[in-house]
Amino acid sequence: MLSYSIIGEKSLTFCRWLAIITAIAAPMSTAVTSVTSIAMLLTWLISGEPVRSLKISAEQPAGKMLLLFFAWLLIGTLYAETPWTEKVDTLLSWKKLAFTFVLLGLFYQTHWKRLFVGSYLAVMVIAGLVAVPLWLADLSIRSGREPGIFMTNYASQSMAFIAAVVCCIFLLRQQLSLKHKYLLYGVIALFIVNIFFISPARSGYVAFPFAVIFAAGCVYGYKKLLPIIAVTGSVMLVAILCSSTLQQRTQTGLTEKAAYQTSGELTSIGVRVIFAKNTLSLIKEHPVLGYGTSSFKSTYSRYAAAQYSGWRGTSTSDPHNQYLFVWLENGLIGLLLFFAYIYTAIRQGLNSQPYGVIAASFLVAVCATSLFNSHFKTFPEGNLLAFFVGILLAQRNVETKESP
């Protein structure tokens, strides 16, 4: 008969593998991600380790800032003029960051991080190889998706490959044979083709230079920043000149931005401009405390309906800008706490090389795209970020840290 300690140990191991599977599935399948994340939490509870692992999470700088941000979200529910059902829904929309907090106390051992990076890269290489022939053959295997796009959407597919590029950059600094380094360069090229030629995701075009420059700067040293920027710029220039997908998406975005005041129909960029203008106007009225957690949709909808008719008066629960969303709901205090978490997580990553820097680099990329999206909260991108950061950023404090 197995003792409880053995059951707990096996449950914890299974929990960590489920976390790795969830991270890999996040950009690919909503159903799989939902099932495996719940299973991960159940095995975590069965392991008997929740209290100890949560203490480890709370010891870390990023964990402490997450607790402060969560506390302010809860305070925000007290002055929001919305039903409690909406308050609970909004709090649950931030559960991705709660996953990060849990994982910070589970993945402090180096070999688990190594397993995650290896597993993630292996699956992404297969995904990249699958996407290219589908794109070349102009085939769509999921309804409503563009040729070559088989993950949840083109944005999640691009962000998944950008995370993989960051992993490759750090692997290049390992003691590898010339053959393996050339192989890694080939894999990076495969991901670049997917990001710039196959996917029409503008968020990927924005995230790529931020991720690569930050990651390469950490790996090779910031004294080599100018050559790094030059190489990244050259890659971007080649993509701009050669990728018809990138050219079309960029031109469409510029056209929509220029015509948002006169356009007769809703456009992706045009509506984002309207969202931003209206949200900033509302923020000016309550800049410090905001309108309370869960208040965005009701507050914005009343204002937009009074100001505009047609598509410009469209109601929304998301301004497609993560920072404006936090500022409107939770005020300047909430926004500063959110920035403090980001800063602390990046700093913790820089102090936890090499795996922590991978997390920090991907976080920087998502911060850039969150100027035009809410990638901390969207299901595929938010879960990918949460698990990537939680797994790779985890550490023990100085007194209890295990030897590498």
Protein backbone atom coordinates (compact mmCIF):
# COMPACT_ATOMS: atom_id res chain seq x y z
CA MET A 1 0.00 0.00 0.00
CA LEU A 2 1.40 3.39 -1.01
CA SER A 3 2.03 5.87 1.80
CA TYR A 4 0.53 9.34 1.53
CA SER A 5 4.00 10.86 1.08
CA ILE A 6 4.56 8.76 -2.06
CA ILE A 7 1.11 9.67 -3.39
CA GLY A 8 1.82 13.32 -2.68
CA GLU A 9 5.19 13.18 -4.46
CA LYS A 10 3.69 11.50 -7.52
CA SER A 11 0.80 13.99 -7.54
CA LEU A 12 3.26 16.90 -7.45
CA THR A 13 5.24 15.43 -10.34
CA PHE A 14 2.03 14.91 -12.33
CA CYS A 15 0.98 18.48 -11.45
CA ARG A 16 4.19 19.88 -12.93
CA TRP A 17 3.82 17.84 -16.11
CA LEU A 18 0.22 19.06 -16.44
CA ALA A 19 1.49 22.64 -16.09
CA ILE A 20 3.96 22.05 -18.93
CA ILE A 21 1.21 20.54 -21.10
CA THR A 22 -1.09 23.48 -20.30
CA ALA A 23 1.56 26.01 -21.31
CA ILE A 24 2.13 24.23 -24.62
CA ALA A 25 -1.61 23.86 -25.26
CA ALA A 26 -2.47 27.47 -24.33
CA PRO A 27 -2.04 28.97 -27.83
CA MET A 28 -3.44 25.87 -29.54
CA SER A 29 -6.59 24.64 -27.82
CA THR A 30 -8.95 26.34 -25.41
CA ALA A 31 -10.55 23.02 -24.45
CA VAL A 32 -7.27 21.24 -23.68
CA THR A 33 -5.96 24.24 -21.74
CA SER A 34 -9.11 24.42 -19.62
CA VAL A 35 -9.06 20.70 -18.79
CA THR A 36 -5.34 20.43 -18.04
CA SER A 37 -5.26 23.62 -15.93
CA ILE A 38 -8.09 22.28 -13.75
CA ALA A 39 -6.38 18.89 -13.51
CA MET A 40 -3.15 20.66 -12.56
CA LEU A 41 -4.87 22.44 -9.67
CA LEU A 42 -6.51 19.22 -8.48
CA THR A 43 -3.24 17.28 -8.43
CA TRP A 44 -1.59 20.24 -6.71
CA LEU A 45 -4.22 20.07 -3.95
CA ILE A 46 -3.90 16.27 -3.66
CA SER A 47 -0.13 16.55 -3.30
CA GLY A 48 -0.47 18.17 0.11
CA GLU A 49 1.95 20.91 -0.96
CA PRO A 50 -0.31 23.96 -1.50
CA VAL A 51 0.59 25.74 1.74
CA ARG A 52 4.35 25.22 1.37
CA SER A 53 4.38 26.12 -2.33
CA LEU A 54 2.28 29.24 -1.77
CA LYS A 55 4.73 30.36 0.90
CA ILE A 56 7.55 29.91 -1.63
CA SER A 57 5.56 31.98 -4.14
CA ALA A 58 4.96 34.74 -1.59
CA GLU A 59 8.70 34.90 -0.75
CA GLN A 60 9.56 35.95 -4.29
CA PRO A 61 9.49 39.62 -5.38
CA ALA A 62 7.10 38.94 -8.28
CA GLY A 63 4.84 36.93 -5.98
CA LYS A 64 4.66 39.75 -3.45
CA MET A 65 3.68 42.27 -6.12
CA LEU A 66 1.02 39.92 -7.45
CA LEU A 67 -0.50 39.72 -3.97
CA LEU A 68 -0.57 43.53 -3.74
CA PHE A 69 -2.20 43.81 -7.17
CA PHE A 70 -4.81 41.17 -6.27
CA ALA A 71 -5.53 43.00 -3.02
CA TRP A 72 -6.19 46.23 -4.91
CA LEU A 73 -8.46 44.42 -7.37
CA LEU A 74 -10.50 43.19 -4.40
CA ILE A 75 -10.65 46.68 -2.90
CA GLY A 76 -11.84 47.91 -6.31
CA THR A 77 -14.91 45.67 -6.10
CA LEU A 78 -16.07 47.61 -3.01
CA TYR A 79 -16.65 50.88 -4.85
CA ALA A 80 -17.63 49.59 -8.29
CA GLU A 81 -21.30 50.29 -9.07
CA THR A 82 -21.91 46.91 -10.69
CA PRO A 83 -23.61 43.65 -9.63
CA TRP A 84 -21.48 41.16 -7.74
CA THR A 85 -21.80 38.67 -10.58
CA GLU A 86 -19.90 41.10 -12.82
CA LYS A 87 -17.34 41.74 -10.11
CA VAL A 88 -16.67 38.02 -9.75
CA ASP A 89 -16.45 37.60 -13.55
CA THR A 90 -13.84 40.36 -13.76
CA LEU A 91 -11.82 38.92 -10.90
CA LEU A 92 -11.90 35.53 -12.63
CA SER A 93 -10.65 37.14 -15.84
CA TRP A 94 -7.42 37.86 -13.94
CA LYS A 95 -6.99 34.19 -12.96
CA LYS A 96 -4.09 33.86 -15.40
CA LEU A 97 -1.96 35.87 -12.96
CA ALA A 98 -3.17 33.58 -10.18
CA PHE A 99 -1.75 30.64 -12.17
CA THR A 100 1.56 32.51 -12.31
CA PHE A 101 1.51 32.88 -8.53
CA VAL A 102 0.87 29.16 -8.00
CA LEU A 103 3.60 28.12 -10.45
CA LEU A 104 6.19 30.36 -8.80
CA GLY A 105 6.13 27.94 -5.88
CA LEU A 106 6.33 24.75 -7.97
CA PHE A 107 9.04 25.19 -10.61
CA TYR A 108 12.05 26.46 -8.66
CA GLN A 109 14.07 23.34 -9.59
CA THR A 110 16.27 23.81 -12.65
CA HIS A 111 15.60 20.43 -14.25
CA TRP A 112 11.85 21.17 -14.48
CA LYS A 113 12.56 24.41 -16.29
CA ARG A 114 14.88 22.56 -18.64
CA LEU A 115 12.17 19.99 -19.32
CA PHE A 116 9.67 22.75 -20.04
CA VAL A 117 11.91 24.61 -22.49
CA GLY A 118 12.84 21.39 -24.30
CA SER A 119 9.24 20.17 -24.50
CA TYR A 120 7.91 23.55 -25.61
CA LEU A 121 10.53 23.95 -28.33
CA ALA A 122 10.01 20.42 -29.65
CA VAL A 123 6.27 20.99 -30.08
CA MET A 124 6.76 24.45 -31.62
CA VAL A 125 9.23 23.09 -34.17
CA ILE A 126 6.64 20.50 -35.22
CA ALA A 127 3.97 23.23 -35.32
CA GLY A 128 6.17 25.44 -37.49
CA LEU A 129 6.87 22.59 -39.88
CA VAL A 130 3.15 21.82 -40.14
CA ALA A 131 2.21 25.45 -40.81
CA VAL A 132 4.56 25.98 -43.77
CA PRO A 133 3.16 23.33 -46.16
CA LEU A 134 -0.41 24.29 -45.18
CA TRP A 135 0.39 27.88 -46.10
CA LEU A 136 2.12 26.93 -49.34
CA ALA A 137 -0.82 24.73 -50.33
CA ASP A 138 -3.29 27.48 -49.30
CA LEU A 139 -5.07 25.07 -46.94
CA SER A 140 -7.13 25.96 -43.87
CA ILE A 141 -7.65 23.06 -41.49
CA ARG A 142 -9.70 25.07 -38.95
CA SER A 143 -12.84 26.89 -39.97
CA GLY A 144 -12.42 30.63 -40.27
CA ARG A 145 -8.62 30.51 -40.05
CA GLU A 146 -6.18 31.73 -42.65
CA PRO A 147 -4.00 29.19 -44.53
CA GLY A 148 -1.27 27.93 -42.23
CA ILE A 149 -3.04 29.09 -39.08
CA PHE A 150 -4.14 26.08 -37.05
CA MET A 151 -3.81 27.35 -33.48
CA THR A 152 -6.57 29.23 -31.62
CA ASN A 153 -6.04 32.35 -33.75
CA TYR A 154 -3.27 34.02 -35.70
CA ALA A 155 -2.26 36.25 -32.76
CA SER A 156 -1.80 33.30 -30.41
CA GLN A 157 0.15 31.42 -33.09
CA SER A 158 2.52 34.34 -33.59
CA MET A 159 3.07 34.84 -29.86
CA ALA A 160 3.72 31.11 -29.41
CA PHE A 161 6.49 31.25 -32.01
CA ILE A 162 7.97 34.42 -30.50
CA ALA A 163 8.26 32.64 -27.16
CA ALA A 164 10.02 29.83 -29.02
CA VAL A 165 12.45 32.28 -30.67
CA VAL A 166 13.42 33.60 -27.24
CA CYS A 167 14.11 30.04 -26.06
CA CYS A 168 16.35 29.45 -29.10
CA ILE A 169 18.34 32.62 -28.45
CA PHE A 170 19.26 31.40 -24.98
CA LEU A 171 20.07 27.91 -26.21
CA LEU A 172 22.59 29.42 -28.63
CA ARG A 173 24.72 30.42 -25.65
CA GLN A 174 24.97 26.83 -24.42
CA GLN A 175 27.98 24.66 -25.18
CA LEU A 176 26.77 23.28 -28.50
CA SER A 177 28.51 21.82 -31.50
CA LEU A 178 28.60 23.86 -34.70
CA LYS A 179 26.09 21.46 -36.22
CA HIS A 180 23.60 22.03 -33.41
CA LYS A 181 24.06 25.80 -33.61
CA TYR A 182 23.30 25.76 -37.34
CA LEU A 183 20.26 23.65 -36.54
CA LEU A 184 19.08 26.27 -34.05
CA TYR A 185 19.59 29.03 -36.61
CA GLY A 186 17.44 27.02 -39.00
CA VAL A 187 14.74 26.63 -36.35
CA ILE A 188 14.78 30.40 -35.70
CA ALA A 189 14.41 30.98 -39.46
CA LEU A 190 11.42 28.62 -39.46
CA PHE A 191 9.76 30.61 -36.69
CA ILE A 192 10.50 33.92 -38.46
CA VAL A 193 8.80 32.63 -41.62
CA ASN A 194 5.76 31.73 -39.53
CA ILE A 195 5.67 35.09 -37.73
CA PHE A 196 6.16 37.40 -40.73
CA PHE A 197 5.08 35.47 -43.80
CA ILE A 198 2.31 33.11 -42.65
CA SER A 199 0.62 34.91 -39.78
CA PRO A 200 -1.23 38.19 -40.37
CA ALA A 201 -0.93 39.09 -36.67
CA ARG A 202 0.31 42.65 -36.28
CA SER A 203 0.94 41.92 -32.61
CA GLY A 204 3.62 39.45 -33.71
CA TYR A 205 5.29 42.09 -35.88
CA VAL A 206 5.43 44.42 -32.85
CA ALA A 207 6.49 41.78 -30.32
CA PHE A 208 9.34 40.27 -32.34
CA PRO A 209 11.89 43.14 -32.17
CA PHE A 210 11.22 43.77 -28.47
CA ALA A 211 11.64 40.09 -27.60
CA VAL A 212 14.76 39.56 -29.70
CA ILE A 213 16.59 42.75 -28.72
CA PHE A 214 15.89 42.26 -25.01
CA ALA A 215 16.78 38.56 -25.06
CA ALA A 216 19.93 38.98 -27.16
CA GLY A 217 20.98 41.95 -25.04
CA CYS A 218 20.74 39.82 -21.91
CA VAL A 219 22.59 36.90 -23.50
CA TYR A 220 25.39 38.73 -25.32
CA GLY A 221 25.63 41.81 -23.09
CA TYR A 222 24.32 45.30 -23.67
CA LYS A 223 27.73 46.46 -24.90
CA LYS A 224 26.75 44.62 -28.10
CA LEU A 225 23.35 46.30 -28.24
CA LEU A 226 24.05 48.24 -31.44
CA PRO A 227 24.99 45.12 -33.46
CA ILE A 228 21.96 43.33 -31.99
CA ILE A 229 19.66 46.16 -33.05
CA ALA A 230 21.30 46.19 -36.49
CA VAL A 231 20.77 42.46 -37.01
CA THR A 232 17.19 42.61 -35.74
CA GLY A 233 16.51 45.62 -37.93
CA SER A 234 17.93 43.81 -40.95
CA VAL A 235 15.62 40.84 -40.31
CA MET A 236 12.67 43.20 -40.00
CA LEU A 237 13.66 45.02 -43.19
CA VAL A 238 13.88 41.78 -45.18
CA ALA A 239 10.48 40.75 -43.82
CA ILE A 240 8.96 44.11 -44.75
CA LEU A 241 10.36 43.95 -48.27
CA CYS A 242 9.56 40.30 -48.94
CA SER A 243 6.39 39.46 -47.01
CA SER A 244 3.20 40.36 -48.85
CA THR A 245 1.24 39.35 -45.74
CA LEU A 246 3.10 41.88 -43.60
CA GLN A 247 2.81 44.57 -46.25
CA GLN A 248 -0.94 44.09 -46.63
CA ARG A 249 -1.60 44.05 -42.90
CA THR A 250 0.55 47.13 -42.32
CA GLN A 251 -1.08 49.05 -45.16
CA THR A 252 -4.54 48.07 -43.96
CA GLY A 253 -3.70 49.26 -40.45
CA LEU A 254 -2.40 52.62 -41.68
CA THR A 255 -5.46 53.12 -43.88
CA GLU A 256 -7.85 52.28 -41.04
CA LYS A 257 -6.00 54.63 -38.69
CA ALA A 258 -6.16 57.51 -41.18
CA ALA A 259 -9.88 57.00 -41.95
CA TYR A 260 -11.29 56.21 -38.50
CA GLN A 261 -13.13 59.58 -38.30
CA THR A 262 -14.85 59.23 -41.67
CA SER A 263 -15.17 55.47 -42.12
CA GLY A 264 -18.72 54.18 -42.43
CA GLU A 265 -17.90 50.78 -41.05
CA LEU A 266 -16.13 49.39 -38.01
CA THR A 267 -12.45 48.57 -38.55
CA SER A 268 -9.94 46.85 -36.29
CA ILE A 269 -7.64 49.87 -35.93
CA GLY A 270 -10.36 52.50 -36.18
CA VAL A 271 -12.36 51.10 -33.29
CA ARG A 272 -9.19 50.85 -31.18
CA VAL A 273 -8.58 54.58 -31.68
CA ILE A 274 -12.14 55.37 -30.60
CA PHE A 275 -11.82 53.05 -27.60
CA ALA A 276 -8.61 54.78 -26.54
CA LYS A 277 -10.00 58.32 -26.91
CA ASN A 278 -13.16 57.55 -24.95
CA THR A 279 -11.31 55.63 -22.26
CA LEU A 280 -8.83 58.47 -21.73
CA SER A 281 -11.71 60.94 -21.43
CA LEU A 282 -13.31 58.78 -18.74
CA ILE A 283 -10.00 58.33 -16.91
CA LYS A 284 -9.63 62.11 -16.60
CA GLU A 285 -12.79 62.19 -14.46
CA HIS A 286 -11.56 59.55 -11.95
CA PRO A 287 -7.80 59.24 -12.44
CA VAL A 288 -6.65 58.07 -9.01
CA LEU A 289 -9.11 55.38 -7.90
CA GLY A 290 -10.85 54.65 -11.18
CA TYR A 291 -14.42 53.37 -11.36
CA GLY A 292 -13.84 50.06 -9.59
CA THR A 293 -13.15 46.48 -10.59
CA SER A 294 -15.71 45.30 -13.21
CA SER A 295 -16.83 48.83 -14.08
CA PHE A 296 -15.37 49.13 -17.57
CA LYS A 297 -18.26 47.86 -19.72
CA SER A 298 -21.05 49.75 -18.00
CA THR A 299 -19.06 52.98 -17.65
CA TYR A 300 -17.73 52.94 -21.18
CA SER A 301 -21.05 51.92 -22.79
CA ARG A 302 -22.95 54.86 -21.25
CA TYR A 303 -20.28 57.32 -22.32
CA ALA A 304 -19.87 56.01 -25.88
CA ALA A 305 -23.63 55.89 -26.50
CA ALA A 306 -23.92 59.52 -25.39
CA GLN A 307 -21.01 60.69 -27.53
CA TYR A 308 -21.45 58.75 -30.78
CA SER A 309 -23.90 56.98 -33.01
CA GLY A 310 -23.20 54.02 -35.30
CA TRP A 311 -20.15 51.86 -34.82
CA ARG A 312 -18.31 54.59 -32.87
CA GLY A 313 -20.83 54.16 -30.09
CA THR A 314 -20.16 50.42 -29.88
CA SER A 315 -20.20 48.98 -26.38
CA THR A 316 -17.15 47.06 -25.23
CA SER A 317 -15.73 45.41 -22.13
CA ASP A 318 -12.16 45.77 -23.38
CA PRO A 319 -10.45 48.84 -24.91
CA HIS A 320 -7.78 46.60 -26.53
CA ASN A 321 -5.18 48.32 -24.38
CA GLN A 322 -4.29 46.51 -21.16
CA TYR A 323 -2.98 49.62 -19.42
CA LEU A 324 -6.01 51.79 -20.17
CA PHE A 325 -8.27 48.99 -18.95
CA VAL A 326 -6.45 48.78 -15.60
CA TRP A 327 -6.31 52.57 -15.27
CA LEU A 328 -10.04 53.07 -15.88
CA GLU A 329 -11.14 50.30 -13.51
CA ASN A 330 -8.51 50.49 -10.78
CA GLY A 331 -7.15 53.99 -11.15
CA LEU A 332 -3.60 55.25 -11.09
CA ILE A 333 -2.95 53.21 -7.95
CA GLY A 334 -3.93 49.99 -9.73
CA LEU A 335 -1.91 50.92 -12.80
CA LEU A 336 1.20 51.64 -10.73
CA LEU A 337 0.81 48.29 -8.94
CA PHE A 338 0.44 46.57 -12.30
CA PHE A 339 3.60 48.28 -13.58
CA ALA A 340 5.34 47.37 -10.32
CA TYR A 341 4.54 43.69 -10.91
CA ILE A 342 5.90 43.87 -14.46
CA TYR A 343 9.06 45.67 -13.33
CA THR A 344 9.60 43.27 -10.43
CA ALA A 345 9.05 40.21 -12.62
CA ILE A 346 11.53 41.46 -15.23
CA ARG A 347 14.08 42.29 -12.54
CA GLN A 348 13.62 38.88 -10.90
CA GLY A 349 14.11 37.28 -14.30
CA LEU A 350 17.34 39.19 -14.89
CA ASN A 351 18.60 37.94 -11.53
CA SER A 352 17.63 34.32 -12.29
CA GLN A 353 19.61 33.44 -15.40
CA PRO A 354 19.28 31.73 -17.74
CA TYR A 355 15.66 30.64 -17.49
CA GLY A 356 14.36 33.71 -15.71
CA VAL A 357 15.63 35.89 -18.54
CA ILE A 358 13.59 33.87 -21.05
CA ALA A 359 10.49 34.71 -19.01
CA ALA A 360 11.50 38.37 -18.75
CA SER A 361 12.10 38.63 -22.51
CA PHE A 362 8.70 37.17 -23.37
CA LEU A 363 7.07 39.41 -20.76
CA VAL A 364 8.66 42.47 -22.39
CA ALA A 365 7.26 41.37 -25.76
CA VAL A 366 3.75 40.95 -24.35
CA CYS A 367 3.99 44.34 -22.62
CA ALA A 368 4.63 45.88 -26.06
CA THR A 369 1.64 44.17 -27.67
CA SER A 370 -0.56 45.08 -24.70
CA LEU A 371 -0.56 48.68 -25.92
CA PHE A 372 -2.95 47.42 -28.62
CA ASN A 373 -4.47 44.35 -26.96
CA SER A 374 -5.26 42.92 -23.53
CA HIS A 375 -2.88 40.00 -23.77
CA PHE A 376 -2.56 39.62 -20.00
CA LYS A 377 -6.24 38.64 -19.90
CA THR A 378 -7.09 37.04 -23.27
CA PHE A 379 -7.37 33.27 -22.95
CA PRO A 380 -4.64 31.91 -25.27
CA GLU A 381 -2.05 34.68 -24.95
CA GLY A 382 -2.80 35.31 -21.26
CA ASN A 383 -2.41 31.66 -20.29
CA LEU A 384 0.73 31.27 -22.40
CA LEU A 385 2.27 34.29 -20.67
CA ALA A 386 1.12 33.22 -17.21
CA PHE A 387 2.58 29.72 -17.46
CA PHE A 388 5.74 30.86 -19.23
CA VAL A 389 6.48 33.44 -16.54
CA GLY A 390 5.40 31.25 -13.60
CA ILE A 391 7.46 28.25 -14.70
CA LEU A 392 10.65 30.04 -15.77
CA LEU A 393 10.68 32.81 -13.17
CA ALA A 394 10.27 30.54 -10.14
CA GLN A 395 13.08 30.54 -7.58
CA ARG A 396 13.78 29.86 -3.90
CA ASN A 397 14.94 32.49 -1.46
CA VAL A 398 18.62 32.74 -0.56
CA GLU A 399 18.33 30.66 2.62
CA THR A 400 16.51 27.69 1.02
CA LYS A 401 17.58 27.81 -2.61
CA GLU A 402 18.65 24.44 -3.93
CA SER A 403 22.00 23.95 -5.58
CA PRO A 404 21.89 23.84 -9.43
